[in-house]
Amino acid sequence: MARPPRGASGTTSRGASGTTRKAALGLAATALGLTALPATALPAHAASDPLARYHHQRLDWKSCVLGPDDTTGKELDQAGARCADVTVPLDYRDPDGRTITVAISRIRATDTAHRVGPLLLNGGGPGGQTLGDPPWVRQAMKDVGARYDVVGVDPRFVGRSTPLDCHWPTGAAFRGAGHDRAGFDRTAAFSEDLAQRCRRHAGDVLPYVTTRNTARDMDVVRAALGDRRISYLGYSYGSYLGEVYATMFPGRTDRVVLDGVIDPDRYGPRLLRGTEKANRHALEGWASWAAARNATYGLGRTRGAVLAAVDRVRTAAARTPLRVGDHRVDEHIVPLVVLDGLSQDNDSAYGDFAQGMRDLLRATDGQRVTPSPWLADTLKFMLTGADSHYGSVQTAILCGDIAAPRDPEIYWRDVQNSREREPLFGPVANNLNACAFWDPPRERPTTIRDDLPALLVNATGDPRTTYEGATEVRRAWPSSRLITLRGADQHAVYGVYGTPCVDTAVNAYLATGRLPAADLTCRAHAR
C-alpha cells in the first residue's frame, strides 16, 4: 500500500505501478471495438456460451511502453513483460451491448516444463493500478516465479483500462468530520457534490463499476489467456476481490494468496470503521521512532511529546487553516495526512511522515513552509484534481458494491461517539462520504463462500486491514492457513515488508500447492 486515503483498504503500489497511477485519465464516453474471433472460428461448444466471443478473443501482445516518458512501460519491457487489452462487456446482462477494455501485462513462465499457470495480481485500492506490478512480484517469487505467467491487471476503469473520471477537485472521497456540527455539515455538502459530479460525468457507467463485474472480467481474462484455472495474489481490497471471484467462479482457482485480509462482513463504503485502535497503535509506534530521532526531526524527545505535537497541529488547524505552500490545510485534512503517513513500518516511510509533521508544526507556528516532497504529494492528492480519476473509481466501486446509510444523523452520532474515544481518527473513520448520496447498487452483495484452501497473510498491527479481519476469515475458512507477522504496523507483507519468514512460506505454497500444516507466526524486524 502506498497511501491509505487513496484506498480505504489500501494499495500495495510499488515501483512502476506507483508512478502510472498519476496519469491523467478522461471519461469513457464511447464504446470500444471488440477484438474477437469471428463466430465461424469459435469452438463448437461455444454456441451455448453467451460470452464466447470474449472468452475466445485473440489478444494482441505488444510492447508496454506508451511513450518516451512511460516509466512503467519501460520497467515492464525491461522485465520481459508484454501488454494487451482484453475486451469485456460493460454490462454482463447485455453481452452484445457496449464494450470496454481491461489492460493487462504478462511476464511469461520460463520453466515451461513445470508451468503452473497464470498468477493474476491485484494490488488493492479499490482503484489501484496493478499492471506495473509483475516485475517486483516476479522478483519476490524468486525461483518459483519461473513457473508462472505473472499477470498484472488494471481493473475496469482503472489505469490503462477504459477510464472513468468524475472531475473531482480531490483524489479522495474521505474527509475528517471536523470538531463541530458546522464542520460535519461542510463534509456532507462536499460529499454530496462529489456524488453529483459522478452522476453528471459518468452516470452511464457507474452502475457497472463493481467488484462483481471486476471478478467477471477476471474470468474473461482467464479464458482469453487459455487457462482453465488461475492462481491469484491479492493485497488489501484485492483480498476481497479474491474472495468474490472464488465464490462466483468455484473450481477456477488454483493457488490463492490473500495479503492484508478483509473480513467480507465488514467490507463496504465505511471500510475505515473499526481501524481507529490500530491506527492509534501505529501512530504511537511512529512517535517512539521519531522521539529517538529528535535531533533530526525536532518533534519531541519522548513519545508523549511527539504525540502532543501531532495534537497541536490538529487543534491549530481546527482554529485556522494552516498555510503550507499553496495549500490551506484544515481540520478536515489533517487526520488524512496522519493516516497517509501510517501503513508502512520502515525507516523510509517513517522519515517521510516525520518530515511532513515537522512542516505542519512549523506552519502551526506561523512560519512560511515549503512542504517536503512527501507532504507536497499528499496535499496535491487531497486538495487538487490531479488524482480525480483515482478517487472517482475507488468511490464508485465502494458505493456500487454495498449501499451506505443515507441519513446524515447516523454518521453524526457515530462521529460524536467515536470522538470521545479517539479524537484524531474517530471523526474520519466514522464520517460520511459520497456513498451516502449515491444511487443504490444494481446487485446484492456477494455472500462469500464457506471455505477456501487459501494462504492468508496479515501483520498484527496492520492499520488498514486489521488483524481481526484475517482471523475472522481464517475461522470462516478452516481449510485455509494464516501467516501472522507479529510486531509490525505494516499493511501488505509478502514481497513488501521484506521478511524471509513470510516470503519463503508463501513461495513454498506457490511452488507446491500445499498449504502449511498449521498456521505460522513470523516476527518483525528488530529496530
Protein backbone atom coordinates (compact mmCIF):
# COMPACT_ATOMS: atom_id res chain seq x y z
CA MET A 1 0.00 0.00 0.00
CA ALA A 2 1.30 3.41 -0.88
CA ARG A 3 -1.25 5.81 0.54
CA PRO A 4 -4.19 4.90 2.79
CA PRO A 5 -6.64 7.65 1.75
CA ARG A 6 -6.24 6.50 -1.86
CA GLY A 7 -7.50 3.18 -0.69
CA ALA A 8 -9.88 2.80 2.17
CA SER A 9 -8.35 -0.61 2.28
CA GLY A 10 -5.09 0.44 0.74
CA THR A 11 -2.92 -0.46 -2.19
CA THR A 12 0.49 -2.01 -2.41
CA SER A 13 1.75 0.19 -5.23
CA ARG A 14 5.49 -0.31 -5.59
CA GLY A 15 7.92 0.67 -8.23
CA ALA A 16 6.31 1.22 -11.60
CA SER A 17 2.68 0.99 -10.57
CA GLY A 18 3.02 3.87 -8.13
CA THR A 19 4.03 6.25 -10.92
CA THR A 20 1.48 5.28 -13.56
CA ARG A 21 -1.37 5.83 -11.11
CA LYS A 22 -0.82 9.57 -11.56
CA ALA A 23 -1.58 9.57 -15.27
CA ALA A 24 -4.46 11.88 -16.21
CA LEU A 25 -7.49 9.96 -17.43
CA GLY A 26 -10.56 11.04 -19.35
CA LEU A 27 -14.15 9.82 -19.20
CA ALA A 28 -15.02 6.77 -21.27
CA ALA A 29 -17.72 8.20 -23.48
CA THR A 30 -17.86 5.75 -26.36
CA ALA A 31 -17.90 2.02 -26.80
CA LEU A 32 -14.60 0.47 -27.80
CA GLY A 33 -14.15 -2.11 -30.50
CA LEU A 34 -14.25 -5.84 -29.81
CA THR A 35 -11.23 -7.92 -30.74
CA ALA A 36 -12.54 -11.46 -31.03
CA LEU A 37 -12.52 -14.47 -33.24
CA PRO A 38 -15.22 -14.48 -35.90
CA ALA A 39 -18.17 -16.66 -34.98
CA THR A 40 -17.23 -19.29 -37.52
CA ALA A 41 -13.86 -19.80 -35.81
CA LEU A 42 -15.25 -20.41 -32.34
CA PRO A 43 -15.27 -23.95 -30.90
CA ALA A 44 -18.48 -25.86 -31.46
CA HIS A 45 -19.41 -25.81 -27.75
CA ALA A 46 -19.17 -22.01 -27.72
CA ALA A 47 -22.62 -21.64 -29.25
CA SER A 48 -24.17 -22.10 -25.81
CA ASP A 49 -21.80 -19.59 -24.20
CA PRO A 50 -23.17 -16.03 -24.29
CA LEU A 51 -19.64 -14.75 -23.60
CA ALA A 52 -17.98 -16.92 -26.26
CA ARG A 53 -16.61 -14.06 -28.31
CA TYR A 54 -14.96 -12.64 -25.19
CA HIS A 55 -13.65 -15.97 -23.91
CA HIS A 56 -12.09 -16.83 -27.27
CA GLN A 57 -10.78 -13.43 -28.32
CA ARG A 58 -7.26 -13.15 -29.70
CA LEU A 59 -5.03 -10.97 -27.58
CA ASP A 60 -2.64 -8.60 -29.36
CA TRP A 61 0.51 -8.70 -27.21
CA LYS A 62 2.76 -5.71 -27.70
CA SER A 63 5.34 -3.52 -26.02
CA CYS A 64 4.12 -1.98 -22.75
CA VAL A 65 5.77 1.37 -23.50
CA LEU A 66 3.26 4.08 -24.44
CA GLY A 67 5.73 6.91 -24.94
CA PRO A 68 9.15 8.31 -24.06
CA ASP A 69 8.07 9.27 -20.51
CA ASP A 70 6.35 5.97 -19.70
CA THR A 71 8.46 4.72 -16.78
CA THR A 72 6.07 1.87 -16.04
CA GLY A 73 6.12 0.61 -19.59
CA LYS A 74 9.91 0.73 -19.71
CA GLU A 75 10.22 -1.24 -16.47
CA LEU A 76 7.77 -3.82 -17.78
CA ASP A 77 9.62 -4.15 -21.08
CA GLN A 78 12.96 -4.50 -19.28
CA ALA A 79 11.47 -7.32 -17.20
CA GLY A 80 10.35 -9.13 -20.35
CA ALA A 81 6.66 -8.29 -20.00
CA ARG A 82 4.21 -7.73 -22.83
CA CYS A 83 0.88 -5.94 -22.66
CA ALA A 84 -2.55 -6.45 -24.17
CA ASP A 85 -6.10 -5.15 -23.93
CA VAL A 86 -8.86 -7.61 -23.08
CA THR A 87 -12.32 -6.68 -24.30
CA VAL A 88 -15.20 -7.25 -21.87
CA PRO A 89 -18.87 -6.26 -21.82
CA LEU A 90 -19.77 -3.16 -19.86
CA ASP A 91 -22.93 -4.92 -18.67
CA TYR A 92 -22.74 -8.70 -18.40
CA ARG A 93 -26.52 -8.89 -18.66
CA ASP A 94 -26.15 -7.44 -22.16
CA PRO A 95 -23.05 -9.10 -23.62
CA ASP A 96 -23.91 -7.90 -27.13
CA GLY A 97 -24.00 -4.28 -25.99
CA ARG A 98 -21.33 -1.74 -25.21
CA THR A 99 -17.79 -2.99 -24.56
CA ILE A 100 -14.84 -1.70 -22.56
CA THR A 101 -11.24 -2.83 -22.29
CA VAL A 102 -9.19 -4.17 -19.39
CA ALA A 103 -5.43 -3.65 -19.68
CA ILE A 104 -3.12 -6.49 -18.65
CA SER A 105 0.61 -7.18 -18.59
CA ARG A 106 2.33 -10.55 -18.51
CA ILE A 107 5.76 -11.95 -17.78
CA ARG A 108 5.60 -15.46 -19.19
CA ALA A 109 6.84 -18.56 -17.43
CA THR A 110 10.34 -19.61 -18.46
CA ASP A 111 10.22 -23.05 -16.83
CA THR A 112 7.58 -24.29 -19.23
CA ALA A 113 8.14 -27.94 -18.31
CA HIS A 114 6.85 -27.20 -14.79
CA ARG A 115 4.46 -24.36 -15.61
CA VAL A 116 1.66 -23.95 -13.05
CA GLY A 117 -0.37 -21.37 -14.98
CA PRO A 118 -1.20 -17.68 -14.70
CA LEU A 119 -0.89 -15.79 -11.41
CA LEU A 120 -3.25 -12.82 -11.54
CA LEU A 121 -2.43 -9.83 -9.34
CA ASN A 122 -4.49 -7.14 -7.65
CA GLY A 123 -2.75 -4.50 -5.55
CA GLY A 124 -5.79 -3.13 -3.76
CA GLY A 125 -7.37 0.28 -3.50
CA PRO A 126 -10.01 -0.23 -4.70
CA GLY A 127 -8.92 1.67 -7.76
CA GLY A 128 -5.21 0.93 -7.61
CA GLN A 129 -3.28 0.06 -10.75
CA THR A 130 -1.66 -3.37 -10.89
CA LEU A 131 -0.44 -3.52 -14.48
CA GLY A 132 3.04 -2.39 -13.40
CA ASP A 133 3.41 -4.92 -10.57
CA PRO A 134 4.61 -8.14 -12.29
CA PRO A 135 8.34 -7.20 -12.20
CA TRP A 136 8.57 -6.78 -8.42
CA VAL A 137 6.19 -9.67 -7.70
CA ARG A 138 8.22 -11.88 -10.03
CA GLN A 139 11.33 -10.87 -8.09
CA ALA A 140 9.67 -11.66 -4.73
CA MET A 141 8.71 -15.11 -6.04
CA LYS A 142 12.38 -15.99 -6.63
CA ASP A 143 12.85 -19.32 -8.44
CA VAL A 144 9.17 -20.30 -8.32
CA GLY A 145 8.32 -17.28 -10.46
CA ALA A 146 9.77 -19.06 -13.48
CA ARG A 147 6.85 -21.50 -13.32
CA TYR A 148 4.13 -18.85 -13.59
CA ASP A 149 2.82 -16.39 -16.09
CA VAL A 150 2.72 -13.35 -13.78
CA VAL A 151 -0.18 -11.17 -14.90
CA GLY A 152 -0.90 -7.61 -13.79
CA VAL A 153 -4.47 -6.42 -14.33
CA ASP A 154 -5.73 -2.85 -14.26
CA PRO A 155 -9.37 -3.46 -13.27
CA ARG A 156 -12.17 -1.92 -15.29
CA PHE A 157 -11.94 1.90 -15.36
CA VAL A 158 -8.51 1.88 -13.68
CA GLY A 159 -5.18 2.96 -15.15
CA ARG A 160 -4.77 1.84 -18.75
CA SER A 161 -8.18 0.21 -18.90
CA THR A 162 -11.15 2.16 -20.22
CA PRO A 163 -11.02 5.23 -17.97
CA LEU A 164 -13.52 6.94 -15.72
CA ASP A 165 -13.19 10.41 -14.20
CA CYS A 166 -15.83 12.37 -12.30
CA HIS A 167 -13.73 15.57 -12.48
CA TRP A 168 -13.34 15.92 -8.75
CA PRO A 169 -11.27 18.63 -7.01
CA THR A 170 -9.62 15.86 -4.96
CA GLY A 171 -8.28 12.32 -5.20
CA ALA A 172 -10.13 11.09 -2.10
CA ALA A 173 -13.77 10.99 -1.02
CA PHE A 174 -12.71 10.79 2.63
CA ARG A 175 -12.52 13.74 4.99
CA GLY A 176 -12.36 14.31 8.71
CA ALA A 177 -15.69 15.45 10.16
CA GLY A 178 -14.21 18.48 11.92
CA HIS A 179 -14.66 19.48 15.54
CA ASP A 180 -18.30 20.63 15.48
CA ARG A 181 -21.61 20.31 13.65
CA ALA A 182 -20.74 23.08 11.21
CA GLY A 183 -17.65 21.14 10.14
CA PHE A 184 -19.63 17.95 9.76
CA ASP A 185 -22.18 19.76 7.60
CA ARG A 186 -19.37 21.04 5.38
CA THR A 187 -18.20 17.49 4.75
CA ALA A 188 -21.77 16.44 3.99
CA ALA A 189 -22.07 19.18 1.36
CA PHE A 190 -18.65 18.26 -0.04
CA SER A 191 -19.66 14.58 -0.26
CA GLU A 192 -22.96 15.36 -1.96
CA ASP A 193 -21.13 17.48 -4.54
CA LEU A 194 -18.76 14.60 -5.33
CA ALA A 195 -21.70 12.26 -5.88
CA GLN A 196 -23.41 14.79 -8.15
CA ARG A 197 -20.25 15.23 -10.21
CA CYS A 198 -20.10 11.47 -10.79
CA ARG A 199 -23.73 11.38 -11.92
CA ARG A 200 -23.06 14.23 -14.28
CA HIS A 201 -19.80 13.00 -15.80
CA ALA A 202 -20.05 9.21 -15.55
CA GLY A 203 -23.64 8.34 -14.75
CA ASP A 204 -23.96 5.98 -17.70
CA VAL A 205 -21.24 3.63 -16.40
CA LEU A 206 -21.48 3.99 -12.62
CA PRO A 207 -23.88 1.02 -12.17
CA TYR A 208 -21.25 -1.30 -13.67
CA VAL A 209 -18.25 -0.20 -11.57
CA THR A 210 -18.43 -3.04 -9.05
CA THR A 211 -16.34 -5.82 -7.57
CA ARG A 212 -18.67 -8.45 -9.02
CA ASN A 213 -18.11 -7.10 -12.53
CA THR A 214 -14.36 -6.91 -11.88
CA ALA A 215 -14.49 -10.60 -10.90
CA ARG A 216 -16.37 -11.36 -14.12
CA ASP A 217 -13.67 -9.51 -16.05
CA MET A 218 -11.03 -11.63 -14.31
CA ASP A 219 -12.73 -14.74 -15.59
CA VAL A 220 -12.76 -13.37 -19.12
CA VAL A 221 -9.03 -12.70 -18.72
CA ARG A 222 -8.57 -16.29 -17.57
CA ALA A 223 -10.38 -17.64 -20.59
CA ALA A 224 -8.64 -15.29 -23.03
CA LEU A 225 -5.29 -16.49 -21.66
CA GLY A 226 -6.40 -20.03 -22.48
CA ASP A 227 -6.31 -21.46 -18.95
CA ARG A 228 -8.97 -23.42 -17.06
CA ARG A 229 -7.84 -22.09 -13.68
CA ILE A 230 -5.90 -19.15 -12.30
CA SER A 231 -3.75 -18.64 -9.25
CA TYR A 232 -4.22 -15.32 -7.51
CA LEU A 233 -2.32 -12.86 -5.31
CA GLY A 234 -4.46 -10.07 -3.89
CA TYR A 235 -3.48 -7.37 -1.43
CA SER A 236 -5.88 -5.41 0.80
CA TYR A 237 -9.05 -4.72 -1.25
CA GLY A 238 -7.60 -7.32 -3.59
CA SER A 239 -8.26 -9.89 -0.85
CA TYR A 240 -11.97 -9.09 -1.04
CA LEU A 241 -11.85 -9.31 -4.84
CA GLY A 242 -10.27 -12.74 -4.47
CA GLU A 243 -12.99 -13.82 -2.05
CA VAL A 244 -15.66 -12.68 -4.51
CA TYR A 245 -14.01 -14.33 -7.52
CA ALA A 246 -13.59 -17.66 -5.71
CA THR A 247 -17.25 -17.51 -4.71
CA MET A 248 -18.62 -16.58 -8.12
CA PHE A 249 -16.40 -18.98 -10.06
CA PRO A 250 -15.86 -22.07 -7.91
CA GLY A 251 -13.34 -24.51 -9.26
CA ARG A 252 -11.48 -21.91 -11.29
CA THR A 253 -8.83 -21.03 -8.71
CA ASP A 254 -5.64 -22.93 -8.08
CA ARG A 255 -3.31 -21.32 -5.50
CA VAL A 256 -4.71 -18.27 -3.71
CA VAL A 257 -2.76 -15.84 -1.53
CA LEU A 258 -4.62 -13.03 0.24
CA ASP A 259 -2.38 -10.48 1.94
CA GLY A 260 -3.94 -7.80 4.17
CA VAL A 261 -7.17 -9.72 4.58
CA ILE A 262 -10.58 -8.07 4.60
CA ASP A 263 -13.38 -9.67 6.56
CA PRO A 264 -16.18 -9.68 3.94
CA ASP A 265 -18.76 -8.98 6.64
CA ARG A 266 -17.02 -5.64 7.30
CA TYR A 267 -16.46 -4.63 3.69
CA GLY A 268 -18.38 -1.63 2.38
CA PRO A 269 -18.38 2.16 1.97
CA ARG A 270 -17.49 2.65 5.66
CA LEU A 271 -14.45 0.45 5.44
CA LEU A 272 -12.34 2.60 7.77
CA ARG A 273 -14.68 2.00 10.69
CA GLY A 274 -13.01 -0.13 13.31
CA THR A 275 -9.46 0.84 12.33
CA GLU A 276 -9.13 3.59 14.95
CA LYS A 277 -7.35 1.44 17.53
CA ALA A 278 -4.87 0.01 15.03
CA ASN A 279 -4.09 3.46 13.66
CA ARG A 280 -3.51 4.80 17.17
CA HIS A 281 -1.13 1.92 17.82
CA ALA A 282 0.72 2.66 14.59
CA LEU A 283 0.88 6.37 15.43
CA GLU A 284 2.35 5.60 18.84
CA GLY A 285 4.95 3.30 17.29
CA TRP A 286 5.98 6.00 14.85
CA ALA A 287 6.07 8.58 17.67
CA SER A 288 8.55 6.44 19.60
CA TRP A 289 10.68 6.17 16.45
CA ALA A 290 10.56 9.95 15.89
CA ALA A 291 11.38 10.68 19.53
CA ALA A 292 14.54 8.61 19.22
CA ARG A 293 15.49 10.89 16.28
CA ASN A 294 14.57 14.22 17.77
CA ALA A 295 17.92 15.67 16.68
CA THR A 296 16.83 15.09 13.07
CA TYR A 297 13.14 15.96 13.13
CA GLY A 298 12.64 18.09 16.24
CA LEU A 299 9.22 16.70 17.11
CA GLY A 300 9.98 15.87 20.75
CA ARG A 301 12.31 13.78 22.87
CA THR A 302 9.63 11.38 24.12
CA ARG A 303 6.74 9.54 22.56
CA GLY A 304 4.33 11.69 24.56
CA ALA A 305 5.96 14.87 23.32
CA VAL A 306 5.71 13.75 19.68
CA LEU A 307 2.04 12.81 20.10
CA ALA A 308 1.41 16.19 21.74
CA ALA A 309 2.96 17.87 18.68
CA VAL A 310 0.59 15.97 16.39
CA ASP A 311 -2.34 17.02 18.57
CA ARG A 312 -1.16 20.63 18.48
CA VAL A 313 -1.29 20.54 14.69
CA ARG A 314 -4.80 19.08 14.81
CA THR A 315 -6.18 21.70 17.21
CA ALA A 316 -4.45 24.60 15.41
CA ALA A 317 -5.91 23.56 12.04
CA ALA A 318 -9.36 23.47 13.64
CA ARG A 319 -8.97 27.13 14.62
CA THR A 320 -7.42 28.44 11.41
CA PRO A 321 -6.34 26.52 8.29
CA LEU A 322 -2.56 26.13 8.07
CA ARG A 323 -0.74 27.67 5.12
CA VAL A 324 1.56 25.05 3.60
CA GLY A 325 2.98 26.06 0.24
CA ASP A 326 -0.01 26.90 -1.94
CA HIS A 327 -2.42 24.86 0.18
CA ARG A 328 -4.67 25.55 3.15
CA VAL A 329 -4.71 22.55 5.48
CA ASP A 330 -7.77 22.50 7.73
CA GLU A 331 -9.36 20.23 10.32
CA HIS A 332 -10.79 18.01 7.59
CA ILE A 333 -7.39 17.30 6.01
CA VAL A 334 -5.02 16.89 8.97
CA PRO A 335 -6.41 13.46 10.01
CA LEU A 336 -5.96 12.23 6.45
CA VAL A 337 -2.35 13.41 6.37
CA VAL A 338 -1.74 11.38 9.52
CA LEU A 339 -3.50 8.34 8.07
CA ASP A 340 -1.44 8.76 4.94
CA GLY A 341 1.74 8.51 6.97
CA LEU A 342 0.78 5.25 8.63
CA SER A 343 0.79 1.90 6.86
CA GLN A 344 4.41 1.09 6.06
CA ASP A 345 6.55 0.09 9.03
CA ASN A 346 10.02 1.08 7.85
CA ASP A 347 12.52 3.88 8.34
CA SER A 348 11.95 5.47 4.93
CA ALA A 349 8.19 5.81 5.35
CA TYR A 350 8.56 6.92 8.97
CA GLY A 351 11.07 9.57 7.90
CA ASP A 352 8.77 10.93 5.20
CA PHE A 353 5.96 11.23 7.72
CA ALA A 354 8.22 12.88 10.30
CA GLN A 355 9.34 15.49 7.78
CA GLY A 356 5.72 16.15 6.88
CA MET A 357 4.72 16.59 10.50
CA ARG A 358 7.68 18.91 11.04
CA ASP A 359 6.41 21.06 8.15
CA LEU A 360 2.90 21.18 9.62
CA LEU A 361 4.28 22.06 13.04
CA ARG A 362 6.23 24.96 11.54
CA ALA A 363 3.05 26.14 9.81
CA THR A 364 1.28 25.94 13.17
CA ASP A 365 3.89 28.38 14.49
CA GLY A 366 3.12 30.79 11.65
CA GLN A 367 6.24 30.09 9.59
CA ARG A 368 6.27 30.09 5.79
CA VAL A 369 6.57 26.46 4.74
CA THR A 370 7.64 24.80 1.51
CA PRO A 371 6.40 21.24 2.04
CA SER A 372 8.71 18.25 1.84
CA PRO A 373 8.20 16.03 -1.24
CA TRP A 374 6.02 13.51 0.63
CA LEU A 375 3.77 16.17 2.14
CA ALA A 376 3.59 18.09 -1.14
CA ASP A 377 2.48 14.94 -2.95
CA THR A 378 -0.06 14.12 -0.23
CA LEU A 379 -1.61 17.60 -0.29
CA LYS A 380 -1.67 17.63 -4.09
CA PHE A 381 -3.58 14.36 -3.99
CA MET A 382 -6.11 15.60 -1.42
CA LEU A 383 -6.55 19.24 -2.41
CA THR A 384 -6.33 19.26 -6.22
CA GLY A 385 -7.93 17.32 -9.06
CA ALA A 386 -4.67 15.70 -10.15
CA ASP A 387 -5.85 12.26 -8.97
CA SER A 388 -9.56 12.74 -9.53
CA HIS A 389 -9.67 9.55 -11.55
CA TYR A 390 -8.39 7.50 -8.63
CA GLY A 391 -10.93 8.78 -6.12
CA SER A 392 -13.70 8.53 -8.68
CA VAL A 393 -13.16 4.84 -9.37
CA GLN A 394 -12.46 3.92 -5.77
CA THR A 395 -15.66 5.53 -4.58
CA ALA A 396 -17.73 4.14 -7.45
CA ILE A 397 -16.65 0.61 -6.50
CA LEU A 398 -17.33 1.02 -2.79
CA CYS A 399 -20.70 2.68 -3.41
CA GLY A 400 -21.64 0.28 -6.19
CA ASP A 401 -20.96 -2.82 -4.12
CA ILE A 402 -22.91 -2.12 -0.92
CA ALA A 403 -25.38 0.62 -0.03
CA ALA A 404 -24.36 3.12 2.63
CA PRO A 405 -26.73 4.67 5.21
CA ARG A 406 -28.33 7.78 3.73
CA ASP A 407 -29.30 9.62 6.90
CA PRO A 408 -26.54 12.09 7.92
CA GLU A 409 -27.64 11.83 11.55
CA ILE A 410 -26.40 8.24 11.67
CA TYR A 411 -22.89 9.41 10.81
CA TRP A 412 -23.06 12.43 13.11
CA ARG A 413 -23.97 10.19 16.03
CA ASP A 414 -21.17 7.75 15.20
CA VAL A 415 -18.66 10.59 14.83
CA GLN A 416 -19.59 12.05 18.20
CA ASN A 417 -19.41 8.69 19.95
CA SER A 418 -16.06 7.84 18.41
CA ARG A 419 -14.62 11.30 19.10
CA GLU A 420 -14.73 10.63 22.81
CA ARG A 421 -12.57 7.53 22.44
CA GLU A 422 -10.32 8.65 19.59
CA PRO A 423 -10.42 12.40 18.75
CA LEU A 424 -7.97 12.17 15.84
CA PHE A 425 -9.05 9.05 13.93
CA GLY A 426 -12.68 8.67 15.06
CA PRO A 427 -14.06 11.65 13.11
CA VAL A 428 -12.56 10.41 9.84
CA ALA A 429 -13.18 6.66 10.25
CA ASN A 430 -16.87 7.22 11.06
CA ASN A 431 -17.62 10.18 8.82
CA LEU A 432 -19.91 10.07 5.82
CA ASN A 433 -18.65 10.13 2.26
CA ALA A 434 -20.13 10.35 -1.23
CA CYS A 435 -21.74 6.91 -0.89
CA ALA A 436 -24.38 8.46 1.40
CA PHE A 437 -25.63 10.30 -1.71
CA TRP A 438 -25.12 7.54 -4.28
CA ASP A 439 -27.76 5.64 -6.24
CA PRO A 440 -28.50 2.14 -4.82
CA PRO A 441 -26.37 -0.77 -6.12
CA ARG A 442 -27.78 -2.81 -9.00
CA GLU A 443 -26.83 -6.16 -7.42
CA ARG A 444 -26.87 -7.60 -3.95
CA PRO A 445 -23.52 -8.02 -2.19
CA THR A 446 -21.81 -11.36 -2.69
CA THR A 447 -22.33 -13.89 0.07
CA ILE A 448 -18.80 -15.23 0.35
CA ARG A 449 -18.31 -19.00 0.19
CA ASP A 450 -18.00 -21.02 3.37
CA ASP A 451 -14.47 -22.28 2.82
CA LEU A 452 -11.46 -21.97 0.56
CA PRO A 453 -7.98 -23.52 0.91
CA ALA A 454 -6.16 -20.19 0.67
CA LEU A 455 -3.00 -18.80 2.25
CA LEU A 456 -3.77 -15.70 4.33
CA VAL A 457 -1.13 -13.16 5.37
CA ASN A 458 -1.53 -10.29 7.86
CA ALA A 459 0.51 -8.22 10.29
CA THR A 460 -0.83 -7.87 13.82
CA GLY A 461 -0.52 -4.07 13.67
CA ASP A 462 -1.93 -3.53 10.18
CA PRO A 463 -3.75 -0.16 10.38
CA ARG A 464 -5.80 -0.66 7.19
CA THR A 465 -6.91 -4.28 7.07
CA THR A 466 -6.80 -5.07 10.75
CA TYR A 467 -5.57 -8.39 12.06
CA GLU A 468 -9.06 -9.21 13.37
CA GLY A 469 -10.28 -9.39 9.77
CA ALA A 470 -7.69 -12.02 8.92
CA THR A 471 -8.56 -14.12 11.95
CA GLU A 472 -12.27 -13.93 11.08
CA VAL A 473 -11.62 -15.19 7.56
CA ARG A 474 -9.36 -17.91 8.95
CA ARG A 475 -12.20 -19.09 11.22
CA ALA A 476 -14.69 -19.00 8.34
CA TRP A 477 -12.31 -20.95 6.09
CA PRO A 478 -11.00 -23.92 8.12
CA SER A 479 -9.14 -25.23 5.07
CA SER A 480 -7.06 -22.05 4.91
CA ARG A 481 -3.84 -21.21 6.77
CA LEU A 482 -2.78 -17.88 8.27
CA ILE A 483 0.73 -16.43 8.31
CA THR A 484 0.93 -13.82 11.06
CA LEU A 485 3.61 -11.13 11.06
CA ARG A 486 3.82 -10.21 14.73
CA GLY A 487 5.09 -6.87 15.97
CA ALA A 488 4.80 -4.77 12.79
CA ASP A 489 2.36 -1.95 12.00
CA GLN A 490 2.56 -2.98 8.38
CA HIS A 491 0.00 -3.10 5.58
CA ALA A 492 0.90 -5.63 2.85
CA VAL A 493 3.65 -8.06 3.80
CA TYR A 494 4.66 -10.56 1.10
CA GLY A 495 7.36 -9.05 -1.10
CA VAL A 496 6.79 -5.65 0.54
CA TYR A 497 7.95 -5.80 4.15
CA GLY A 498 10.98 -7.94 3.39
CA THR A 499 10.93 -10.72 5.96
CA PRO A 500 12.24 -14.09 4.68
CA CYS A 501 9.97 -15.95 7.12
CA VAL A 502 6.85 -14.77 5.28
CA ASP A 503 8.24 -14.70 1.76
CA THR A 504 9.69 -18.21 1.98
CA ALA A 505 6.42 -19.68 3.26
CA VAL A 506 4.39 -18.02 0.51
CA ASN A 507 6.82 -19.15 -2.16
CA ALA A 508 6.75 -22.73 -0.85
CA TYR A 509 2.98 -22.73 -1.22
CA LEU A 510 3.18 -21.27 -4.73
CA ALA A 511 5.76 -23.93 -5.62
CA THR A 512 3.96 -26.98 -4.27
CA GLY A 513 0.31 -26.02 -3.93
CA ARG A 514 0.44 -27.40 -0.40
CA LEU A 515 -0.56 -25.14 2.47
CA PRO A 516 1.49 -25.20 5.68
CA ALA A 517 0.43 -27.93 8.07
CA ALA A 518 -0.54 -25.29 10.62
CA ASP A 519 -0.74 -21.52 10.95
CA LEU A 520 2.64 -19.78 11.06
CA THR A 521 3.92 -16.83 13.08
CA CYS A 522 6.80 -14.65 11.90
CA ARG A 523 8.50 -11.85 13.81
CA ALA A 524 9.01 -8.27 12.73
CA HIS A 525 12.45 -6.83 12.08
CA ALA A 526 14.36 -5.76 15.16
CA ARG A 527 14.86 -2.00 15.33
